[in-house]
All heavy atoms as atom14 arrays in JSON, in Angstrom:
{
  "sequence": "MERFQRIYKQGVVDLFEIWVDTETGVCYLYHASGPAAGFTPLLDS",
  "atom14_mask": [
    [1, 1, 1, 1, 1, 1, 1, 1, 0, 0, 0, 0, 0, 0],
    [1, 1, 1, 1, 1, 1, 1, 1, 1, 0, 0, 0, 0, 0],
    [1, 1, 1, 1, 1, 1, 1, 1, 1, 1, 1, 0, 0, 0],
    [1, 1, 1, 1, 1, 1, 1, 1, 1, 1, 1, 0, 0, 0],
    [1, 1, 1, 1, 1, 1, 1, 1, 1, 0, 0, 0, 0, 0],
    [1, 1, 1, 1, 1, 1, 1, 1, 1, 1, 1, 0, 0, 0],
    [1, 1, 1, 1, 1, 1, 1, 1, 0, 0, 0, 0, 0, 0],
    [1, 1, 1, 1, 1, 1, 1, 1, 1, 1, 1, 1, 0, 0],
    [1, 1, 1, 1, 1, 1, 1, 1, 1, 0, 0, 0, 0, 0],
    [1, 1, 1, 1, 1, 1, 1, 1, 1, 0, 0, 0, 0, 0],
    [1, 1, 1, 1, 0, 0, 0, 0, 0, 0, 0, 0, 0, 0],
    [1, 1, 1, 1, 1, 1, 1, 0, 0, 0, 0, 0, 0, 0],
    [1, 1, 1, 1, 1, 1, 1, 0, 0, 0, 0, 0, 0, 0],
    [1, 1, 1, 1, 1, 1, 1, 1, 0, 0, 0, 0, 0, 0],
    [1, 1, 1, 1, 1, 1, 1, 1, 0, 0, 0, 0, 0, 0],
    [1, 1, 1, 1, 1, 1, 1, 1, 1, 1, 1, 0, 0, 0],
    [1, 1, 1, 1, 1, 1, 1, 1, 1, 0, 0, 0, 0, 0],
    [1, 1, 1, 1, 1, 1, 1, 1, 0, 0, 0, 0, 0, 0],
    [1, 1, 1, 1, 1, 1, 1, 1, 1, 1, 1, 1, 1, 1],
    [1, 1, 1, 1, 1, 1, 1, 0, 0, 0, 0, 0, 0, 0],
    [1, 1, 1, 1, 1, 1, 1, 1, 0, 0, 0, 0, 0, 0],
    [1, 1, 1, 1, 1, 1, 1, 0, 0, 0, 0, 0, 0, 0],
    [1, 1, 1, 1, 1, 1, 1, 1, 1, 0, 0, 0, 0, 0],
    [1, 1, 1, 1, 1, 1, 1, 0, 0, 0, 0, 0, 0, 0],
    [1, 1, 1, 1, 0, 0, 0, 0, 0, 0, 0, 0, 0, 0],
    [1, 1, 1, 1, 1, 1, 1, 0, 0, 0, 0, 0, 0, 0],
    [1, 1, 1, 1, 1, 1, 0, 0, 0, 0, 0, 0, 0, 0],
    [1, 1, 1, 1, 1, 1, 1, 1, 1, 1, 1, 1, 0, 0],
    [1, 1, 1, 1, 1, 1, 1, 1, 0, 0, 0, 0, 0, 0],
    [1, 1, 1, 1, 1, 1, 1, 1, 1, 1, 1, 1, 0, 0],
    [1, 1, 1, 1, 1, 1, 1, 1, 1, 1, 0, 0, 0, 0],
    [1, 1, 1, 1, 1, 0, 0, 0, 0, 0, 0, 0, 0, 0],
    [1, 1, 1, 1, 1, 1, 0, 0, 0, 0, 0, 0, 0, 0],
    [1, 1, 1, 1, 0, 0, 0, 0, 0, 0, 0, 0, 0, 0],
    [1, 1, 1, 1, 1, 1, 1, 0, 0, 0, 0, 0, 0, 0],
    [1, 1, 1, 1, 1, 0, 0, 0, 0, 0, 0, 0, 0, 0],
    [1, 1, 1, 1, 1, 0, 0, 0, 0, 0, 0, 0, 0, 0],
    [1, 1, 1, 1, 0, 0, 0, 0, 0, 0, 0, 0, 0, 0],
    [1, 1, 1, 1, 1, 1, 1, 1, 1, 1, 1, 0, 0, 0],
    [1, 1, 1, 1, 1, 1, 1, 0, 0, 0, 0, 0, 0, 0],
    [1, 1, 1, 1, 1, 1, 1, 0, 0, 0, 0, 0, 0, 0],
    [1, 1, 1, 1, 1, 1, 1, 1, 0, 0, 0, 0, 0, 0],
    [1, 1, 1, 1, 1, 1, 1, 1, 0, 0, 0, 0, 0, 0],
    [1, 1, 1, 1, 1, 1, 1, 1, 0, 0, 0, 0, 0, 0],
    [1, 1, 1, 1, 1, 1, 0, 0, 0, 0, 0, 0, 0, 0]
  ],
  "atom14_positions": [
    [[0.84, -1.19, 0.0], [0.0, 0.0, 0.0], [0.89, 1.25, 0.0], [1.85, 1.33, 0.74], [-0.9, -0.03, 1.23], [-1.82, 1.12, 1.34], [-2.93, 0.74, 2.73], [-3.75, 2.23, 2.92], [0.0, 0.0, 0.0], [0.0, 0.0, 0.0], [0.0, 0.0, 0.0], [0.0, 0.0, 0.0], [0.0, 0.0, 0.0], [0.0, 0.0, 0.0]],
    [[0.53, 2.21, -0.81], [1.28, 3.46, -0.88], [0.95, 4.34, 0.32], [-0.19, 4.38, 0.76], [0.93, 4.21, -2.17], [1.31, 3.47, -3.43], [2.8, 3.35, -3.61], [3.54, 4.28, -3.24], [3.23, 2.31, -4.13], [0.0, 0.0, 0.0], [0.0, 0.0, 0.0], [0.0, 0.0, 0.0], [0.0, 0.0, 0.0], [0.0, 0.0, 0.0]],
    [[1.95, 5.03, 0.83], [1.71, 5.87, 2.02], [0.79, 7.04, 1.69], [-0.08, 7.39, 2.48], [3.03, 6.37, 2.58], [2.79, 7.27, 3.77], [3.98, 7.46, 4.62], [3.61, 8.33, 5.74], [4.42, 8.62, 6.72], [5.63, 8.12, 6.76], [4.02, 9.42, 7.69], [0.0, 0.0, 0.0], [0.0, 0.0, 0.0], [0.0, 0.0, 0.0]],
    [[0.98, 7.69, 0.56], [0.15, 8.83, 0.18], [-0.8, 8.42, -0.94], [-0.4, 7.78, -1.9], [1.0, 10.02, -0.27], [1.75, 10.65, 0.86], [3.04, 10.24, 1.18], [1.18, 11.65, 1.61], [3.74, 10.82, 2.22], [1.87, 12.24, 2.66], [3.15, 11.82, 2.97], [0.0, 0.0, 0.0], [0.0, 0.0, 0.0], [0.0, 0.0, 0.0]],
    [[-2.08, 8.79, -0.79], [-3.08, 8.51, -1.81], [-3.78, 9.8, -2.2], [-4.2, 10.57, -1.33], [-4.12, 7.52, -1.3], [-3.57, 6.15, -1.04], [-4.65, 5.18, -0.56], [-5.68, 5.58, -0.05], [-4.39, 3.9, -0.73], [0.0, 0.0, 0.0], [0.0, 0.0, 0.0], [0.0, 0.0, 0.0], [0.0, 0.0, 0.0], [0.0, 0.0, 0.0]],
    [[-3.9, 10.03, -3.5], [-4.62, 11.2, -3.99], [-6.11, 10.91, -3.9], [-6.59, 9.89, -4.37], [-4.23, 11.52, -5.43], [-4.89, 12.79, -5.93], [-4.47, 13.15, -7.32], [-4.87, 12.07, -8.21], [-4.33, 11.87, -9.4], [-3.36, 12.63, -9.84], [-4.75, 10.86, -10.15], [0.0, 0.0, 0.0], [0.0, 0.0, 0.0], [0.0, 0.0, 0.0]],
    [[-6.87, 11.85, -3.27], [-8.31, 11.65, -3.14], [-9.11, 12.68, -3.92], [-10.33, 12.57, -4.01], [-8.74, 11.64, -1.66], [-8.41, 12.96, -0.97], [-8.13, 10.46, -0.93], [-9.02, 13.11, 0.41], [0.0, 0.0, 0.0], [0.0, 0.0, 0.0], [0.0, 0.0, 0.0], [0.0, 0.0, 0.0], [0.0, 0.0, 0.0], [0.0, 0.0, 0.0]],
    [[-8.43, 13.72, -4.46], [-9.14, 14.76, -5.21], [-8.18, 15.38, -6.21], [-7.0, 15.57, -5.91], [-9.66, 15.84, -4.26], [-10.35, 16.99, -4.95], [-11.66, 16.88, -5.37], [-9.69, 18.19, -5.18], [-12.31, 17.93, -6.01], [-10.32, 19.24, -5.82], [-11.63, 19.11, -6.24], [-12.25, 20.14, -6.88], [0.0, 0.0, 0.0], [0.0, 0.0, 0.0]],
    [[-8.68, 15.69, -7.4], [-7.87, 16.36, -8.43], [-8.76, 17.31, -9.21], [-9.88, 16.95, -9.59], [-7.25, 15.34, -9.37], [-6.42, 15.97, -10.46], [-5.81, 14.93, -11.38], [-5.04, 15.63, -12.48], [-4.48, 14.67, -13.43], [0.0, 0.0, 0.0], [0.0, 0.0, 0.0], [0.0, 0.0, 0.0], [0.0, 0.0, 0.0], [0.0, 0.0, 0.0]],
    [[-8.24, 18.53, -9.43], [-8.96, 19.53, -10.22], [-7.95, 20.31, -11.04], [-6.95, 20.78, -10.52], [-9.71, 20.49, -9.3], [-10.39, 21.63, -10.04], [-11.07, 22.59, -9.08], [-11.75, 22.18, -8.17], [-10.87, 23.87, -9.32], [0.0, 0.0, 0.0], [0.0, 0.0, 0.0], [0.0, 0.0, 0.0], [0.0, 0.0, 0.0], [0.0, 0.0, 0.0]],
    [[-8.23, 20.47, -12.32], [-7.4, 21.29, -13.18], [-6.33, 20.52, -13.91], [-6.08, 19.36, -13.66], [0.0, 0.0, 0.0], [0.0, 0.0, 0.0], [0.0, 0.0, 0.0], [0.0, 0.0, 0.0], [0.0, 0.0, 0.0], [0.0, 0.0, 0.0], [0.0, 0.0, 0.0], [0.0, 0.0, 0.0], [0.0, 0.0, 0.0], [0.0, 0.0, 0.0]],
    [[-5.69, 21.25, -14.86], [-4.6, 20.67, -15.65], [-3.39, 21.59, -15.57], [-2.36, 21.22, -15.05], [-5.04, 20.46, -17.11], [-3.9, 19.94, -17.95], [-6.23, 19.51, -17.18], [0.0, 0.0, 0.0], [0.0, 0.0, 0.0], [0.0, 0.0, 0.0], [0.0, 0.0, 0.0], [0.0, 0.0, 0.0], [0.0, 0.0, 0.0], [0.0, 0.0, 0.0]],
    [[-3.54, 22.82, -16.08], [-2.44, 23.78, -16.04], [-2.31, 24.36, -14.63], [-1.21, 24.47, -14.09], [-2.67, 24.9, -17.07], [-1.57, 25.95, -16.97], [-2.73, 24.32, -18.47], [0.0, 0.0, 0.0], [0.0, 0.0, 0.0], [0.0, 0.0, 0.0], [0.0, 0.0, 0.0], [0.0, 0.0, 0.0], [0.0, 0.0, 0.0], [0.0, 0.0, 0.0]],
    [[-3.43, 24.73, -14.04], [-3.48, 25.21, -12.66], [-4.07, 24.06, -11.84], [-5.28, 23.92, -11.74], [-4.34, 26.46, -12.58], [-4.12, 27.25, -11.31], [-3.05, 27.11, -10.7], [-5.03, 28.02, -10.94], [0.0, 0.0, 0.0], [0.0, 0.0, 0.0], [0.0, 0.0, 0.0], [0.0, 0.0, 0.0], [0.0, 0.0, 0.0], [0.0, 0.0, 0.0]],
    [[-3.2, 23.24, -11.27], [-3.6, 21.96, -10.69], [-3.75, 22.04, -9.17], [-2.88, 22.58, -8.48], [-2.55, 20.9, -11.03], [-2.74, 19.5, -10.49], [-3.97, 18.84, -11.1], [-1.49, 18.67, -10.77], [0.0, 0.0, 0.0], [0.0, 0.0, 0.0], [0.0, 0.0, 0.0], [0.0, 0.0, 0.0], [0.0, 0.0, 0.0], [0.0, 0.0, 0.0]],
    [[-4.87, 21.51, -8.66], [-5.1, 21.37, -7.22], [-5.38, 19.89, -6.94], [-6.2, 19.28, -7.61], [-6.33, 22.18, -6.78], [-6.13, 23.66, -6.82], [-6.43, 24.38, -7.96], [-5.63, 24.33, -5.72], [-6.25, 25.75, -8.0], [-5.44, 25.7, -5.74], [-5.75, 26.41, -6.89], [0.0, 0.0, 0.0], [0.0, 0.0, 0.0], [0.0, 0.0, 0.0]],
    [[-4.7, 19.35, -5.92], [-4.93, 17.97, -5.52], [-4.96, 17.89, -4.0], [-4.29, 18.68, -3.32], [-3.83, 17.04, -6.04], [-3.76, 16.95, -7.53], [-2.63, 16.06, -8.02], [-1.71, 15.74, -7.23], [-2.66, 15.71, -9.19], [0.0, 0.0, 0.0], [0.0, 0.0, 0.0], [0.0, 0.0, 0.0], [0.0, 0.0, 0.0], [0.0, 0.0, 0.0]],
    [[-5.72, 16.94, -3.48], [-5.7, 16.66, -2.04], [-5.19, 15.24, -1.89], [-5.67, 14.31, -2.55], [-7.09, 16.83, -1.4], [-7.53, 18.28, -1.49], [-7.05, 16.36, 0.07], [-8.9, 18.57, -0.93], [0.0, 0.0, 0.0], [0.0, 0.0, 0.0], [0.0, 0.0, 0.0], [0.0, 0.0, 0.0], [0.0, 0.0, 0.0], [0.0, 0.0, 0.0]],
    [[-4.2, 15.1, -1.02], [-3.55, 13.82, -0.74], [-3.75, 13.47, 0.73], [-3.82, 14.36, 1.57], [-2.06, 13.9, -1.04], [-1.76, 14.0, -2.5], [-1.9, 15.11, -3.3], [-1.31, 12.97, -3.36], [-1.55, 14.83, -4.59], [-1.17, 13.51, -4.66], [-0.99, 11.63, -3.15], [-0.74, 12.75, -5.73], [-0.55, 10.88, -4.23], [-0.43, 11.44, -5.5]],
    [[-3.81, 12.19, 1.04], [-3.94, 11.72, 2.42], [-2.76, 10.81, 2.74], [-2.41, 9.92, 1.96], [-5.25, 10.94, 2.63], [-5.31, 10.33, 4.01], [-6.44, 11.85, 2.41], [0.0, 0.0, 0.0], [0.0, 0.0, 0.0], [0.0, 0.0, 0.0], [0.0, 0.0, 0.0], [0.0, 0.0, 0.0], [0.0, 0.0, 0.0], [0.0, 0.0, 0.0]],
    [[-2.14, 11.06, 3.89], [-1.11, 10.18, 4.43], [-1.84, 9.01, 5.09], [-2.55, 9.2, 6.08], [-0.26, 10.94, 5.45], [0.85, 10.12, 6.05], [0.76, 8.88, 6.06], [1.81, 10.73, 6.54], [0.0, 0.0, 0.0], [0.0, 0.0, 0.0], [0.0, 0.0, 0.0], [0.0, 0.0, 0.0], [0.0, 0.0, 0.0], [0.0, 0.0, 0.0]],
    [[-1.71, 7.82, 4.53], [-2.47, 6.67, 5.02], [-2.02, 6.2, 6.4], [-2.75, 5.48, 7.08], [-2.4, 5.49, 4.03], [-1.03, 5.11, 3.86], [-3.02, 5.86, 2.7], [0.0, 0.0, 0.0], [0.0, 0.0, 0.0], [0.0, 0.0, 0.0], [0.0, 0.0, 0.0], [0.0, 0.0, 0.0], [0.0, 0.0, 0.0], [0.0, 0.0, 0.0]],
    [[-0.84, 6.6, 6.85], [-0.37, 6.21, 8.19], [-0.9, 7.14, 9.27], [-1.21, 6.7, 10.37], [1.16, 6.18, 8.22], [1.73, 5.04, 7.4], [3.24, 4.94, 7.52], [3.82, 5.51, 8.47], [3.83, 4.28, 6.65], [0.0, 0.0, 0.0], [0.0, 0.0, 0.0], [0.0, 0.0, 0.0], [0.0, 0.0, 0.0], [0.0, 0.0, 0.0]],
    [[-1.0, 8.44, 8.98], [-1.43, 9.4, 10.0], [-2.84, 9.93, 9.77], [-3.45, 10.47, 10.68], [-0.47, 10.61, 10.03], [-0.56, 11.3, 8.77], [0.95, 10.18, 10.29], [0.0, 0.0, 0.0], [0.0, 0.0, 0.0], [0.0, 0.0, 0.0], [0.0, 0.0, 0.0], [0.0, 0.0, 0.0], [0.0, 0.0, 0.0], [0.0, 0.0, 0.0]],
    [[-3.36, 9.82, 8.53], [-4.67, 10.35, 8.19], [-4.66, 11.84, 7.87], [-5.69, 12.42, 7.54], [0.0, 0.0, 0.0], [0.0, 0.0, 0.0], [0.0, 0.0, 0.0], [0.0, 0.0, 0.0], [0.0, 0.0, 0.0], [0.0, 0.0, 0.0], [0.0, 0.0, 0.0], [0.0, 0.0, 0.0], [0.0, 0.0, 0.0], [0.0, 0.0, 0.0]],
    [[-3.5, 12.49, 7.95], [-3.4, 13.93, 7.69], [-3.61, 14.19, 6.2], [-3.04, 13.51, 5.34], [-2.05, 14.49, 8.15], [-1.88, 15.95, 7.75], [-1.9, 14.35, 9.66], [0.0, 0.0, 0.0], [0.0, 0.0, 0.0], [0.0, 0.0, 0.0], [0.0, 0.0, 0.0], [0.0, 0.0, 0.0], [0.0, 0.0, 0.0], [0.0, 0.0, 0.0]],
    [[-4.42, 15.22, 5.89], [-4.69, 15.63, 4.51], [-3.74, 16.75, 4.1], [-3.43, 17.63, 4.91], [-6.12, 16.12, 4.36], [-7.35, 14.84, 4.63], [0.0, 0.0, 0.0], [0.0, 0.0, 0.0], [0.0, 0.0, 0.0], [0.0, 0.0, 0.0], [0.0, 0.0, 0.0], [0.0, 0.0, 0.0], [0.0, 0.0, 0.0], [0.0, 0.0, 0.0]],
    [[-3.3, 16.72, 2.85], [-2.38, 17.72, 2.3], [-2.93, 18.29, 1.02], [-3.62, 17.6, 0.26], [-1.02, 17.08, 1.99], [-0.28, 16.61, 3.21], [-0.52, 15.36, 3.75], [0.65, 17.43, 3.84], [0.15, 14.92, 4.88], [1.33, 17.0, 4.97], [1.08, 15.75, 5.48], [1.74, 15.33, 6.6], [0.0, 0.0, 0.0], [0.0, 0.0, 0.0]],
    [[-2.62, 19.57, 0.77], [-2.97, 20.22, -0.48], [-1.73, 20.34, -1.33], [-0.68, 20.8, -0.86], [-3.53, 21.63, -0.21], [-3.78, 22.49, -1.46], [-4.9, 21.9, -2.3], [-4.07, 23.91, -1.07], [0.0, 0.0, 0.0], [0.0, 0.0, 0.0], [0.0, 0.0, 0.0], [0.0, 0.0, 0.0], [0.0, 0.0, 0.0], [0.0, 0.0, 0.0]],
    [[-1.84, 19.92, -2.59], [-0.77, 20.08, -3.58], [-1.31, 21.04, -4.62], [-2.41, 20.87, -5.13], [-0.42, 18.74, -4.21], [0.54, 18.87, -5.37], [1.89, 19.12, -5.15], [0.1, 18.75, -6.68], [2.78, 19.25, -6.21], [0.98, 18.87, -7.74], [2.32, 19.11, -7.5], [3.19, 19.25, -8.55], [0.0, 0.0, 0.0], [0.0, 0.0, 0.0]],
    [[-0.53, 22.08, -4.94], [-0.92, 23.04, -5.97], [0.25, 23.25, -6.9], [1.38, 23.47, -6.44], [-1.33, 24.38, -5.35], [-1.67, 25.41, -6.37], [-0.9, 26.52, -6.58], [-2.69, 25.49, -7.26], [-1.43, 27.25, -7.54], [-2.52, 26.63, -7.96], [0.0, 0.0, 0.0], [0.0, 0.0, 0.0], [0.0, 0.0, 0.0], [0.0, 0.0, 0.0]],
    [[0.0, 23.17, -8.19], [1.03, 23.41, -9.2], [0.48, 24.37, -10.23], [-0.66, 24.26, -10.68], [1.45, 22.11, -9.85], [0.0, 0.0, 0.0], [0.0, 0.0, 0.0], [0.0, 0.0, 0.0], [0.0, 0.0, 0.0], [0.0, 0.0, 0.0], [0.0, 0.0, 0.0], [0.0, 0.0, 0.0], [0.0, 0.0, 0.0], [0.0, 0.0, 0.0]],
    [[1.32, 25.34, -10.59], [0.95, 26.32, -11.61], [2.22, 26.67, -12.37], [3.13, 27.29, -11.81], [0.35, 27.56, -10.96], [-0.06, 28.48, -11.95], [0.0, 0.0, 0.0], [0.0, 0.0, 0.0], [0.0, 0.0, 0.0], [0.0, 0.0, 0.0], [0.0, 0.0, 0.0], [0.0, 0.0, 0.0], [0.0, 0.0, 0.0], [0.0, 0.0, 0.0]],
    [[2.3, 26.24, -13.63], [3.52, 26.46, -14.4], [4.68, 25.73, -13.75], [4.55, 24.59, -13.33], [0.0, 0.0, 0.0], [0.0, 0.0, 0.0], [0.0, 0.0, 0.0], [0.0, 0.0, 0.0], [0.0, 0.0, 0.0], [0.0, 0.0, 0.0], [0.0, 0.0, 0.0], [0.0, 0.0, 0.0], [0.0, 0.0, 0.0], [0.0, 0.0, 0.0]],
    [[5.83, 26.4, -13.6], [7.0, 25.74, -13.03], [7.0, 25.69, -11.49], [7.88, 25.1, -10.89], [8.15, 26.6, -13.53], [7.56, 27.96, -13.64], [6.14, 27.74, -14.1], [0.0, 0.0, 0.0], [0.0, 0.0, 0.0], [0.0, 0.0, 0.0], [0.0, 0.0, 0.0], [0.0, 0.0, 0.0], [0.0, 0.0, 0.0], [0.0, 0.0, 0.0]],
    [[6.02, 26.31, -10.85], [5.99, 26.37, -9.38], [5.0, 25.35, -8.82], [3.98, 25.06, -9.43], [5.59, 27.77, -8.92], [0.0, 0.0, 0.0], [0.0, 0.0, 0.0], [0.0, 0.0, 0.0], [0.0, 0.0, 0.0], [0.0, 0.0, 0.0], [0.0, 0.0, 0.0], [0.0, 0.0, 0.0], [0.0, 0.0, 0.0], [0.0, 0.0, 0.0]],
    [[5.33, 24.81, -7.64], [4.45, 23.85, -6.98], [4.67, 23.89, -5.48], [5.73, 24.32, -5.01], [4.69, 22.43, -7.5], [0.0, 0.0, 0.0], [0.0, 0.0, 0.0], [0.0, 0.0, 0.0], [0.0, 0.0, 0.0], [0.0, 0.0, 0.0], [0.0, 0.0, 0.0], [0.0, 0.0, 0.0], [0.0, 0.0, 0.0], [0.0, 0.0, 0.0]],
    [[3.65, 23.45, -4.73], [3.77, 23.39, -3.28], [2.93, 22.28, -2.7], [1.94, 21.85, -3.29], [0.0, 0.0, 0.0], [0.0, 0.0, 0.0], [0.0, 0.0, 0.0], [0.0, 0.0, 0.0], [0.0, 0.0, 0.0], [0.0, 0.0, 0.0], [0.0, 0.0, 0.0], [0.0, 0.0, 0.0], [0.0, 0.0, 0.0], [0.0, 0.0, 0.0]],
    [[3.34, 21.79, -1.53], [2.68, 20.69, -0.85], [2.63, 21.06, 0.63], [3.68, 21.25, 1.25], [3.5, 19.41, -1.06], [2.84, 18.13, -0.65], [1.8, 17.6, -1.38], [3.27, 17.44, 0.47], [1.2, 16.4, -1.01], [2.69, 16.25, 0.85], [1.65, 15.73, 0.1], [0.0, 0.0, 0.0], [0.0, 0.0, 0.0], [0.0, 0.0, 0.0]],
    [[1.42, 21.21, 1.18], [1.29, 21.69, 2.56], [0.12, 21.0, 3.25], [-0.85, 20.62, 2.58], [1.1, 23.23, 2.58], [1.14, 23.71, 3.91], [-0.2, 23.63, 1.93], [0.0, 0.0, 0.0], [0.0, 0.0, 0.0], [0.0, 0.0, 0.0], [0.0, 0.0, 0.0], [0.0, 0.0, 0.0], [0.0, 0.0, 0.0], [0.0, 0.0, 0.0]],
    [[0.18, 20.83, 4.56], [-0.95, 20.19, 5.25], [-2.18, 21.1, 5.25], [-2.05, 22.33, 5.31], [-0.44, 19.97, 6.68], [0.71, 20.87, 6.85], [1.28, 21.12, 5.49], [0.0, 0.0, 0.0], [0.0, 0.0, 0.0], [0.0, 0.0, 0.0], [0.0, 0.0, 0.0], [0.0, 0.0, 0.0], [0.0, 0.0, 0.0], [0.0, 0.0, 0.0]],
    [[-3.35, 20.51, 5.17], [-4.59, 21.26, 5.3], [-4.85, 21.48, 6.78], [-4.72, 20.56, 7.58], [-5.76, 20.48, 4.69], [-5.82, 20.4, 3.18], [-6.98, 19.5, 2.76], [-5.97, 21.77, 2.57], [0.0, 0.0, 0.0], [0.0, 0.0, 0.0], [0.0, 0.0, 0.0], [0.0, 0.0, 0.0], [0.0, 0.0, 0.0], [0.0, 0.0, 0.0]],
    [[-5.24, 22.71, 7.13], [-5.48, 23.06, 8.53], [-6.93, 23.48, 8.72], [-7.52, 24.11, 7.83], [-4.56, 24.19, 8.96], [-3.06, 23.95, 8.78], [-2.28, 25.19, 9.19], [-2.61, 22.74, 9.56], [0.0, 0.0, 0.0], [0.0, 0.0, 0.0], [0.0, 0.0, 0.0], [0.0, 0.0, 0.0], [0.0, 0.0, 0.0], [0.0, 0.0, 0.0]],
    [[-7.5, 23.16, 9.89], [-8.86, 23.58, 10.2], [-8.85, 25.01, 10.75], [-7.8, 25.66, 10.78], [-9.55, 22.6, 11.16], [-8.92, 22.53, 12.54], [-8.13, 23.44, 12.9], [-9.23, 21.59, 13.28], [0.0, 0.0, 0.0], [0.0, 0.0, 0.0], [0.0, 0.0, 0.0], [0.0, 0.0, 0.0], [0.0, 0.0, 0.0], [0.0, 0.0, 0.0]],
    [[-9.99, 25.5, 11.17], [-10.1, 26.89, 11.64], [-9.3, 27.16, 12.91], [-9.03, 28.31, 13.23], [-11.58, 27.26, 11.87], [-12.14, 26.4, 12.85], [0.0, 0.0, 0.0], [0.0, 0.0, 0.0], [0.0, 0.0, 0.0], [0.0, 0.0, 0.0], [0.0, 0.0, 0.0], [0.0, 0.0, 0.0], [0.0, 0.0, 0.0], [0.0, 0.0, 0.0]]
  ]
}
């Protein structure tokens, strides 16, 4: 089983994805636009 699983994907050039760490359950946001990209945990209020 892979540790990270993608559960949501939107876009092609301006890409948004949500990934889940299957060991901890923490959700992460991945965003890519052109040559730039970032991966950060999703936080509640």
